[in-house]
C-alpha atoms as a PDB file:
ATOM      1  CA  MET A   1      13.170 -60.584  28.761  1.00  0.00           C
ATOM      2  CA  LYS A   2      15.057 -63.572  28.706  1.00  0.00           C
ATOM      3  CA  THR A   3      14.294 -63.804  24.918  1.00  0.00           C
ATOM      4  CA  ILE A   4      15.270 -60.219  23.945  1.00  0.00           C
ATOM      5  CA  ARG A   5      19.000 -60.966  26.411  1.00  0.00           C
ATOM      6  CA  ILE A   6      19.252 -64.207  24.260  1.00  0.00           C
ATOM      7  CA  ALA A   7      18.715 -62.395  20.374  1.00  0.00           C
ATOM      8  CA  ALA A   8      21.561 -59.384  21.665  1.00  0.00           C
ATOM      9  CA  ALA A   9      24.072 -62.119  22.487  1.00  0.00           C
ATOM     10  CA  VAL A  10      23.488 -63.917  18.640  1.00  0.00           C
ATOM     11  CA  LEU A  11      24.170 -60.138  17.288  1.00  0.00           C
ATOM     12  CA  LEU A  12      27.158 -59.499  19.951  1.00  0.00           C
ATOM     13  CA  VAL A  13      28.504 -62.977  18.758  1.00  0.00           C
ATOM     14  CA  LEU A  14      28.220 -62.683  14.590  1.00  0.00           C
ATOM     15  CA  ALA A  15      29.393 -59.260  15.258  1.00  0.00           C
ATOM     16  CA  ALA A  16      33.060 -60.570  16.622  1.00  0.00           C
ATOM     17  CA  ALA A  17      32.975 -62.503  13.932  1.00  0.00           C
ATOM     18  CA  ALA A  18      32.742 -60.152  11.193  1.00  0.00           C
ATOM     19  CA  LEU A  19      35.472 -58.117  12.985  1.00  0.00           C
ATOM     20  CA  ALA A  20      37.724 -61.229  13.148  1.00  0.00           C
ATOM     21  CA  GLY A  21      37.393 -61.564   9.673  1.00  0.00           C
ATOM     22  CA  ILE A  22      35.881 -64.603   9.160  1.00  0.00           C
ATOM     23  CA  GLY A  23      34.201 -65.257   5.729  1.00  0.00           C
ATOM     24  CA  ARG A  24      36.829 -62.241   4.161  1.00  0.00           C
ATOM     25  CA  PRO A  25      37.194 -63.469   0.667  1.00  0.00           C
ATOM     26  CA  GLU A  26      41.362 -62.440   0.758  1.00  0.00           C
ATOM     27  CA  THR A  27      41.779 -64.139   3.671  1.00  0.00           C
ATOM     28  CA  ALA A  28      40.094 -67.064   2.722  1.00  0.00           C
ATOM     29  CA  GLY A  29      42.386 -68.094  -0.151  1.00  0.00           C
ATOM     30  CA  GLY A  30      45.554 -66.745   1.213  1.00  0.00           C
ATOM     31  CA  ALA A  31      47.905 -63.839   0.617  1.00  0.00           C
ATOM     32  CA  SER A  32      49.447 -63.991  -2.474  1.00  0.00           C
ATOM     33  CA  GLU A  33      52.591 -61.876  -4.134  1.00  0.00           C
ATOM     34  CA  ASP A  34      51.465 -59.931  -7.136  1.00  0.00           C
ATOM     35  CA  PRO A  35      53.190 -61.833  -9.849  1.00  0.00           C
ATOM     36  CA  ARG A  36      54.015 -59.038 -11.958  1.00  0.00           C
ATOM     37  CA  GLU A  37      56.612 -57.739  -8.943  1.00  0.00           C
ATOM     38  CA  GLY A  38      60.355 -58.325 -10.325  1.00  0.00           C
ATOM     39  CA  ILE A  39      62.713 -57.751 -13.168  1.00  0.00           C
ATOM     40  CA  THR A  40      60.678 -57.803 -16.562  1.00  0.00           C
ATOM     41  CA  VAL A  41      63.202 -58.323 -19.598  1.00  0.00           C
ATOM     42  CA  THR A  42      63.094 -59.093 -23.268  1.00  0.00           C
ATOM     43  CA  GLY A  43      66.237 -61.237 -24.452  1.00  0.00           C
ATOM     44  CA  ILE A  44      67.126 -61.551 -28.000  1.00  0.00           C
ATOM     45  CA  GLY A  45      69.298 -64.507 -29.462  1.00  0.00           C
ATOM     46  CA  HIS A  46      70.907 -65.131 -33.013  1.00  0.00           C
ATOM     47  CA  VAL A  47      72.550 -67.922 -34.504  1.00  0.00           C
ATOM     48  CA  ASP A  48      74.201 -67.225 -37.935  1.00  0.00           C
ATOM     49  CA  ALA A  49      74.441 -69.940 -40.400  1.00  0.00           C
ATOM     50  CA  VAL A  50      75.320 -70.949 -43.708  1.00  0.00           C
ATOM     51  CA  PRO A  51      72.024 -72.621 -45.536  1.00  0.00           C
ATOM     52  CA  ASP A  52      72.847 -76.250 -46.899  1.00  0.00           C
ATOM     53  CA  GLU A  53      69.023 -76.401 -48.410  1.00  0.00           C
ATOM     54  CA  ALA A  54      67.102 -75.107 -51.296  1.00  0.00           C
ATOM     55  CA  GLU A  55      63.210 -75.157 -52.046  1.00  0.00           C
ATOM     56  CA  PHE A  56      62.255 -73.952 -55.466  1.00  0.00           C
ATOM     57  CA  SER A  57      58.776 -74.519 -56.963  1.00  0.00           C
ATOM     58  CA  LEU A  58      59.189 -75.451 -60.390  1.00  0.00           C
ATOM     59  CA  GLY A  59      56.127 -74.980 -63.126  1.00  0.00           C
ATOM     60  CA  VAL A  60      54.950 -75.826 -66.564  1.00  0.00           C
ATOM     61  CA  THR A  61      52.200 -74.068 -68.977  1.00  0.00           C
ATOM     62  CA  THR A  62      50.982 -74.779 -71.917  1.00  0.00           C
ATOM     63  CA  LYS A  63      48.292 -73.744 -74.672  1.00  0.00           C
ATOM     64  CA  ALA A  64      46.475 -75.175 -76.712  1.00  0.00           C
ATOM     65  CA  GLN A  65      42.861 -74.905 -78.342  1.00  0.00           C
ATOM     66  CA  THR A  66      41.270 -76.702 -75.933  1.00  0.00           C
ATOM     67  CA  ALA A  67      41.282 -77.577 -72.539  1.00  0.00           C
ATOM     68  CA  ARG A  68      41.703 -81.174 -73.013  1.00  0.00           C
ATOM     69  CA  GLU A  69      44.568 -81.030 -75.330  1.00  0.00           C
ATOM     70  CA  ALA A  70      46.640 -78.089 -72.976  1.00  0.00           C
ATOM     71  CA  LEU A  71      46.005 -80.042 -70.224  1.00  0.00           C
ATOM     72  CA  SER A  72      47.217 -83.233 -71.916  1.00  0.00           C
ATOM     73  CA  ALA A  73      50.043 -81.231 -73.205  1.00  0.00           C
ATOM     74  CA  ASN A  74      50.946 -80.457 -69.791  1.00  0.00           C
ATOM     75  CA  SER A  75      50.716 -83.752 -68.392  1.00  0.00           C
ATOM     76  CA  ALA A  76      53.013 -84.756 -70.846  1.00  0.00           C
ATOM     77  CA  ARG A  77      55.824 -82.308 -70.098  1.00  0.00           C
ATOM     78  CA  MET A  78      54.906 -82.538 -66.455  1.00  0.00           C
ATOM     79  CA  GLN A  79      56.017 -86.072 -66.052  1.00  0.00           C
ATOM     80  CA  ARG A  80      59.138 -85.712 -68.301  1.00  0.00           C
ATOM     81  CA  LEU A  81      59.919 -82.943 -65.583  1.00  0.00           C
ATOM     82  CA  ILE A  82      59.432 -84.867 -62.706  1.00  0.00           C
ATOM     83  CA  ALA A  83      61.592 -87.692 -64.601  1.00  0.00           C
ATOM     84  CA  ALA A  84      64.312 -85.232 -65.000  1.00  0.00           C
ATOM     85  CA  LEU A  85      64.406 -84.155 -61.497  1.00  0.00           C
ATOM     86  CA  LYS A  86      64.615 -87.483 -60.164  1.00  0.00           C
ATOM     87  CA  ALA A  87      67.617 -88.411 -62.585  1.00  0.00           C
ATOM     88  CA  ALA A  88      69.568 -85.359 -61.564  1.00  0.00           C
ATOM     89  CA  GLY A  89      69.310 -86.635 -57.767  1.00  0.00           C
ATOM     90  CA  VAL A  90      65.718 -85.489 -56.235  1.00  0.00           C
ATOM     91  CA  ALA A  91      64.345 -87.942 -54.184  1.00  0.00           C
ATOM     92  CA  GLU A  92      60.919 -88.413 -54.644  1.00  0.00           C
ATOM     93  CA  ARG A  93      59.752 -87.405 -51.181  1.00  0.00           C
ATOM     94  CA  ASP A  94      61.196 -83.913 -51.743  1.00  0.00           C
ATOM     95  CA  ILE A  95      59.225 -83.679 -54.794  1.00  0.00           C
ATOM     96  CA  LYS A  96      55.150 -82.719 -54.403  1.00  0.00           C
ATOM     97  CA  THR A  97      52.394 -81.397 -56.283  1.00  0.00           C
ATOM     98  CA  GLN A  98      50.986 -77.697 -55.779  1.00  0.00           C
ATOM     99  CA  ASP A  99      48.943 -76.780 -58.270  1.00  0.00           C
ATOM    100  CA  VAL A 100      47.533 -78.292 -61.038  1.00  0.00           C
ATOM    101  CA  SER A 101      44.613 -75.860 -63.604  1.00  0.00           C
ATOM    102  CA  VAL A 102      43.292 -74.829 -66.598  1.00  0.00           C
ATOM    103  CA  GLY A 103      41.675 -72.198 -68.278  1.00  0.00           C
ATOM    104  CA  PRO A 104      40.137 -70.527 -71.063  1.00  0.00           C
ATOM    105  CA  ASN A 105      42.238 -67.562 -72.565  1.00  0.00           C
ATOM    106  CA  TYR A 106      40.007 -64.664 -73.581  1.00  0.00           C
ATOM    107  CA  ASP A 107      40.696 -62.344 -76.717  1.00  0.00           C
ATOM    108  CA  GLY A 108      39.309 -59.104 -76.730  1.00  0.00           C
ATOM    109  CA  GLY A 109      36.742 -59.674 -74.110  1.00  0.00           C
ATOM    110  CA  ALA A 110      35.102 -62.061 -72.082  1.00  0.00           C
ATOM    111  CA  GLU A 111      32.504 -63.082 -74.531  1.00  0.00           C
ATOM    112  CA  LYS A 112      35.546 -64.672 -76.989  1.00  0.00           C
ATOM    113  CA  THR A 113      37.560 -67.352 -75.768  1.00  0.00           C
ATOM    114  CA  ASP A 114      40.993 -67.715 -77.710  1.00  0.00           C
ATOM    115  CA  GLY A 115      42.180 -71.193 -76.736  1.00  0.00           C
ATOM    116  CA  TYR A 116      43.331 -72.884 -73.134  1.00  0.00           C
ATOM    117  CA  THR A 117      46.027 -72.475 -70.565  1.00  0.00           C
ATOM    118  CA  ALA A 118      47.221 -75.756 -68.729  1.00  0.00           C
ATOM    119  CA  THR A 119      49.590 -75.375 -65.429  1.00  0.00           C
ATOM    120  CA  ASN A 120      50.854 -77.366 -63.530  1.00  0.00           C
ATOM    121  CA  SER A 121      54.066 -76.689 -60.859  1.00  0.00           C
ATOM    122  CA  VAL A 122      55.403 -78.748 -58.365  1.00  0.00           C
ATOM    123  CA  SER A 123      58.002 -77.634 -54.932  1.00  0.00           C
ATOM    124  CA  VAL A 124      61.090 -79.262 -54.793  1.00  0.00           C
ATOM    125  CA  ARG A 125      63.607 -79.312 -52.068  1.00  0.00           C
ATOM    126  CA  ILE A 126      67.363 -79.777 -52.819  1.00  0.00           C
ATOM    127  CA  ARG A 127      69.124 -81.316 -49.990  1.00  0.00           C
ATOM    128  CA  GLN A 128      72.321 -80.526 -51.408  1.00  0.00           C
ATOM    129  CA  ILE A 129      72.498 -77.116 -52.213  1.00  0.00           C
ATOM    130  CA  ASP A 130      75.713 -77.064 -54.280  1.00  0.00           C
ATOM    131  CA  ARG A 131      73.614 -79.370 -57.095  1.00  0.00           C
ATOM    132  CA  ALA A 132      70.663 -76.220 -56.841  1.00  0.00           C
ATOM    133  CA  GLY A 133      72.024 -75.453 -60.777  1.00  0.00           C
ATOM    134  CA  ALA A 134      72.228 -78.532 -61.988  1.00  0.00           C
ATOM    135  CA  VAL A 135      69.062 -79.196 -61.161  1.00  0.00           C
ATOM    136  CA  LEU A 136      67.567 -76.119 -62.730  1.00  0.00           C
ATOM    137  CA  GLU A 137      69.162 -76.684 -65.684  1.00  0.00           C
ATOM    138  CA  ALA A 138      67.764 -80.140 -65.850  1.00  0.00           C
ATOM    139  CA  ALA A 139      64.251 -78.940 -65.130  1.00  0.00           C
ATOM    140  CA  SER A 140      64.374 -76.288 -67.805  1.00  0.00           C
ATOM    141  CA  ASN A 141      66.038 -78.437 -70.590  1.00  0.00           C
ATOM    142  CA  ALA A 142      63.065 -81.103 -69.324  1.00  0.00           C
ATOM    143  CA  GLY A 143      60.439 -78.294 -69.979  1.00  0.00           C
ATOM    144  CA  ALA A 144      60.214 -76.090 -67.195  1.00  0.00           C
ATOM    145  CA  ASN A 145      59.221 -72.559 -67.674  1.00  0.00           C
ATOM    146  CA  GLN A 146      58.488 -71.158 -64.596  1.00  0.00           C
ATOM    147  CA  VAL A 147      60.667 -71.253 -61.920  1.00  0.00           C
ATOM    148  CA  TYR A 148      60.099 -69.680 -57.875  1.00  0.00           C
ATOM    149  CA  GLY A 149      62.452 -69.099 -55.344  1.00  0.00           C
ATOM    150  CA  PRO A 150      64.639 -70.298 -54.052  1.00  0.00           C
ATOM    151  CA  ALA A 151      63.546 -70.468 -50.044  1.00  0.00           C
ATOM    152  CA  LEU A 152      67.219 -71.304 -48.519  1.00  0.00           C
ATOM    153  CA  THR A 153      67.618 -72.762 -45.221  1.00  0.00           C
ATOM    154  CA  ARG A 154      68.857 -75.204 -42.929  1.00  0.00           C
ATOM    155  CA  GLU A 155      68.587 -79.195 -42.474  1.00  0.00           C
ATOM    156  CA  ASP A 156      69.131 -78.764 -38.653  1.00  0.00           C
ATOM    157  CA  ARG A 157      67.153 -75.740 -38.301  1.00  0.00           C
ATOM    158  CA  GLU A 158      65.321 -76.756 -34.885  1.00  0.00           C
ATOM    159  CA  GLY A 159      68.976 -77.052 -33.257  1.00  0.00           C
ATOM    160  CA  LEU A 160      69.732 -73.646 -34.403  1.00  0.00           C
ATOM    161  CA  GLU A 161      66.700 -72.587 -32.854  1.00  0.00           C
ATOM    162  CA  GLU A 162      66.683 -73.833 -29.272  1.00  0.00           C
ATOM    163  CA  LYS A 163      70.470 -72.036 -29.429  1.00  0.00           C
ATOM    164  CA  ALA A 164      69.029 -69.045 -30.533  1.00  0.00           C
ATOM    165  CA  LEU A 165      66.543 -69.598 -27.728  1.00  0.00           C
ATOM    166  CA  GLU A 166      69.674 -69.940 -24.915  1.00  0.00           C
ATOM    167  CA  ASN A 167      71.478 -66.893 -26.127  1.00  0.00           C
ATOM    168  CA  ALA A 168      67.772 -65.416 -25.968  1.00  0.00           C
ATOM    169  CA  VAL A 169      67.830 -66.264 -22.397  1.00  0.00           C
ATOM    170  CA  ALA A 170      71.451 -65.524 -21.465  1.00  0.00           C
ATOM    171  CA  ASN A 171      70.605 -62.283 -23.085  1.00  0.00           C
ATOM    172  CA  ALA A 172      67.797 -61.748 -20.739  1.00  0.00           C
ATOM    173  CA  ARG A 173      70.017 -62.428 -17.308  1.00  0.00           C
ATOM    174  CA  LYS A 174      72.666 -59.953 -18.746  1.00  0.00           C
ATOM    175  CA  ARG A 175      69.702 -57.159 -19.082  1.00  0.00           C
ATOM    176  CA  ALA A 176      68.564 -57.795 -15.735  1.00  0.00           C
ATOM    177  CA  ASP A 177      71.624 -57.948 -13.840  1.00  0.00           C
ATOM    178  CA  THR A 178      72.304 -54.439 -15.662  1.00  0.00           C
ATOM    179  CA  LEU A 179      68.793 -53.109 -14.528  1.00  0.00           C
ATOM    180  CA  ALA A 180      69.196 -54.708 -10.692  1.00  0.00           C
ATOM    181  CA  ARG A 181      72.746 -52.687 -10.478  1.00  0.00           C
ATOM    182  CA  ALA A 182      71.191 -49.489 -11.498  1.00  0.00           C
ATOM    183  CA  ALA A 183      68.361 -50.083  -8.855  1.00  0.00           C
ATOM    184  CA  GLY A 184      70.986 -51.265  -6.030  1.00  0.00           C
ATOM    185  CA  VAL A 185      69.498 -54.734  -6.118  1.00  0.00           C
ATOM    186  CA  GLY A 186      70.187 -58.426  -6.756  1.00  0.00           C
ATOM    187  CA  VAL A 187      68.666 -60.637  -8.931  1.00  0.00           C
ATOM    188  CA  GLY A 188      66.801 -63.911  -7.736  1.00  0.00           C
ATOM    189  CA  GLN A 189      65.478 -66.698  -9.682  1.00  0.00           C
ATOM    190  CA  VAL A 190      63.470 -67.067 -12.770  1.00  0.00           C
ATOM    191  CA  THR A 191      59.862 -66.547 -12.032  1.00  0.00           C
ATOM    192  CA  ALA A 192      58.214 -66.163 -15.784  1.00  0.00           C
ATOM    193  CA  ILE A 193      59.500 -66.484 -19.358  1.00  0.00           C
ATOM    194  CA  VAL A 194      57.357 -66.392 -22.377  1.00  0.00           C
ATOM    195  CA  GLU A 195      59.038 -67.156 -26.004  1.00  0.00           C
ATOM    196  CA  GLY A 196      57.956 -65.015 -28.160  1.00  0.00           C
ATOM    197  CA  VAL A 197      57.608 -65.254 -32.288  1.00  0.00           C
ATOM    198  CA  GLU A 198      60.350 -64.608 -34.701  1.00  0.00           C
ATOM    199  CA  HIS A 199      60.116 -64.519 -38.469  1.00  0.00           C
ATOM    200  CA  GLY A 200      62.487 -64.845 -41.316  1.00  0.00           C
ATOM    201  CA  GLY A 201      65.416 -67.086 -41.045  1.00  0.00           C
ATOM    202  CA  PHE A 202      65.798 -67.872 -44.621  1.00  0.00           C
ATOM    203  CA  TYR A 203      65.846 -66.071 -48.248  1.00  0.00           C
ATOM    204  CA  GLU A 204      63.202 -66.386 -50.913  1.00  0.00           C
ATOM    205  CA  GLY A 205      63.633 -65.234 -54.486  1.00  0.00           C
ATOM    206  CA  GLY A 206      61.277 -64.338 -57.372  1.00  0.00           C
ATOM    207  CA  ARG A 207      59.849 -65.857 -60.550  1.00  0.00           C
ATOM    208  CA  VAL A 208      61.926 -66.528 -63.292  1.00  0.00           C
ATOM    209  CA  ALA A 209      61.154 -67.677 -66.951  1.00  0.00           C
ATOM    210  CA  MET A 210      63.065 -70.204 -68.000  1.00  0.00           C
ATOM    211  CA  ASP A 211      64.046 -71.892 -71.834  1.00  0.00           C
ATOM    212  CA  THR A 212      66.502 -74.710 -72.699  1.00  0.00           C
ATOM    213  CA  ALA A 213      69.088 -72.444 -73.520  1.00  0.00           C
ATOM    214  CA  THR A 214      69.241 -71.838 -69.806  1.00  0.00           C
ATOM    215  CA  ALA A 215      72.934 -72.577 -68.308  1.00  0.00           C
ATOM    216  CA  GLU A 216      73.232 -73.608 -65.051  1.00  0.00           C
ATOM    217  CA  VAL A 217      71.935 -71.347 -62.345  1.00  0.00           C
ATOM    218  CA  PRO A 218      74.231 -69.765 -60.032  1.00  0.00           C
ATOM    219  CA  ILE A 219      72.941 -69.843 -56.813  1.00  0.00           C
ATOM    220  CA  GLU A 220      74.758 -67.739 -53.856  1.00  0.00           C
ATOM    221  CA  LYS A 221      74.503 -69.146 -50.168  1.00  0.00           C
ATOM    222  CA  GLY A 222      75.155 -65.992 -47.886  1.00  0.00           C
ATOM    223  CA  THR A 223      73.804 -66.323 -44.361  1.00  0.00           C
ATOM    224  CA  ASP A 224      70.999 -67.542 -42.913  1.00  0.00           C
ATOM    225  CA  GLU A 225      70.029 -65.545 -39.467  1.00  0.00           C
ATOM    226  CA  ILE A 226      67.704 -67.607 -37.130  1.00  0.00           C
ATOM    227  CA  SER A 227      66.708 -65.193 -34.188  1.00  0.00           C
ATOM    228  CA  ALA A 228      64.679 -66.139 -30.609  1.00  0.00           C
ATOM    229  CA  SER A 229      63.228 -63.639 -28.560  1.00  0.00           C
ATOM    230  CA  VAL A 230      62.351 -64.692 -24.486  1.00  0.00           C
ATOM    231  CA  THR A 231      60.114 -62.214 -21.974  1.00  0.00           C
ATOM    232  CA  VAL A 232      61.817 -63.114 -18.482  1.00  0.00           C
ATOM    233  CA  THR A 233      61.089 -62.238 -14.879  1.00  0.00           C
ATOM    234  CA  PHE A 234      63.180 -62.517 -12.829  1.00  0.00           C
ATOM    235  CA  ALA A 235      62.691 -62.078  -8.546  1.00  0.00           C
ATOM    236  CA  ILE A 236      64.099 -59.480  -6.547  1.00  0.00           C
ATOM    237  CA  LYS A 237      66.503 -60.420  -3.868  1.00  0.00           C
END
């Protein structure tokens, strides 16, 4: 009888512990608020600036009866092009080779070749955008016969992006204030913030064929709009 009474007492203790919540997962870690609670809005920020830099892709295409002749002629013209770019004020660090290739020309099908074509292109960054027309003219006179661009941007783009982010956060708070007033509550501290992804911010032109008769090319700067977006959650108070 004593053994039965001891076992019954143990069962009663375990039952009491279960009722008291010992070992419950939700109490072991402590209660926490739902992170989704609050006012969540998306803010947009813009900064307008006039571009001060231009980037072009300049290429040379040559043809010859053999691959070696096509590549040799192409290399000679490309050396003249690079020298002309440097003479026009483009720094060596702003000239970068993009592509070099040579291949057969097919005439009337894949069985017969009609000589070879060699191409070579470089990316050129013009830090003084007002000099872009003169640089392109010098490139054309030196033998460039393919141009792609321009991509217009700002040298201090990183600082402008930071300003756009600041404007986006301010816009998010303004939106949160509007929602809070409509709901009859107050806006508290920021509990979460996520930066969005914005694309664009520069203008990119198309491909243009050039020859030695080309006059100085006019470049219109326009306006560079730099955008940013943030998603912010504010506590309700």
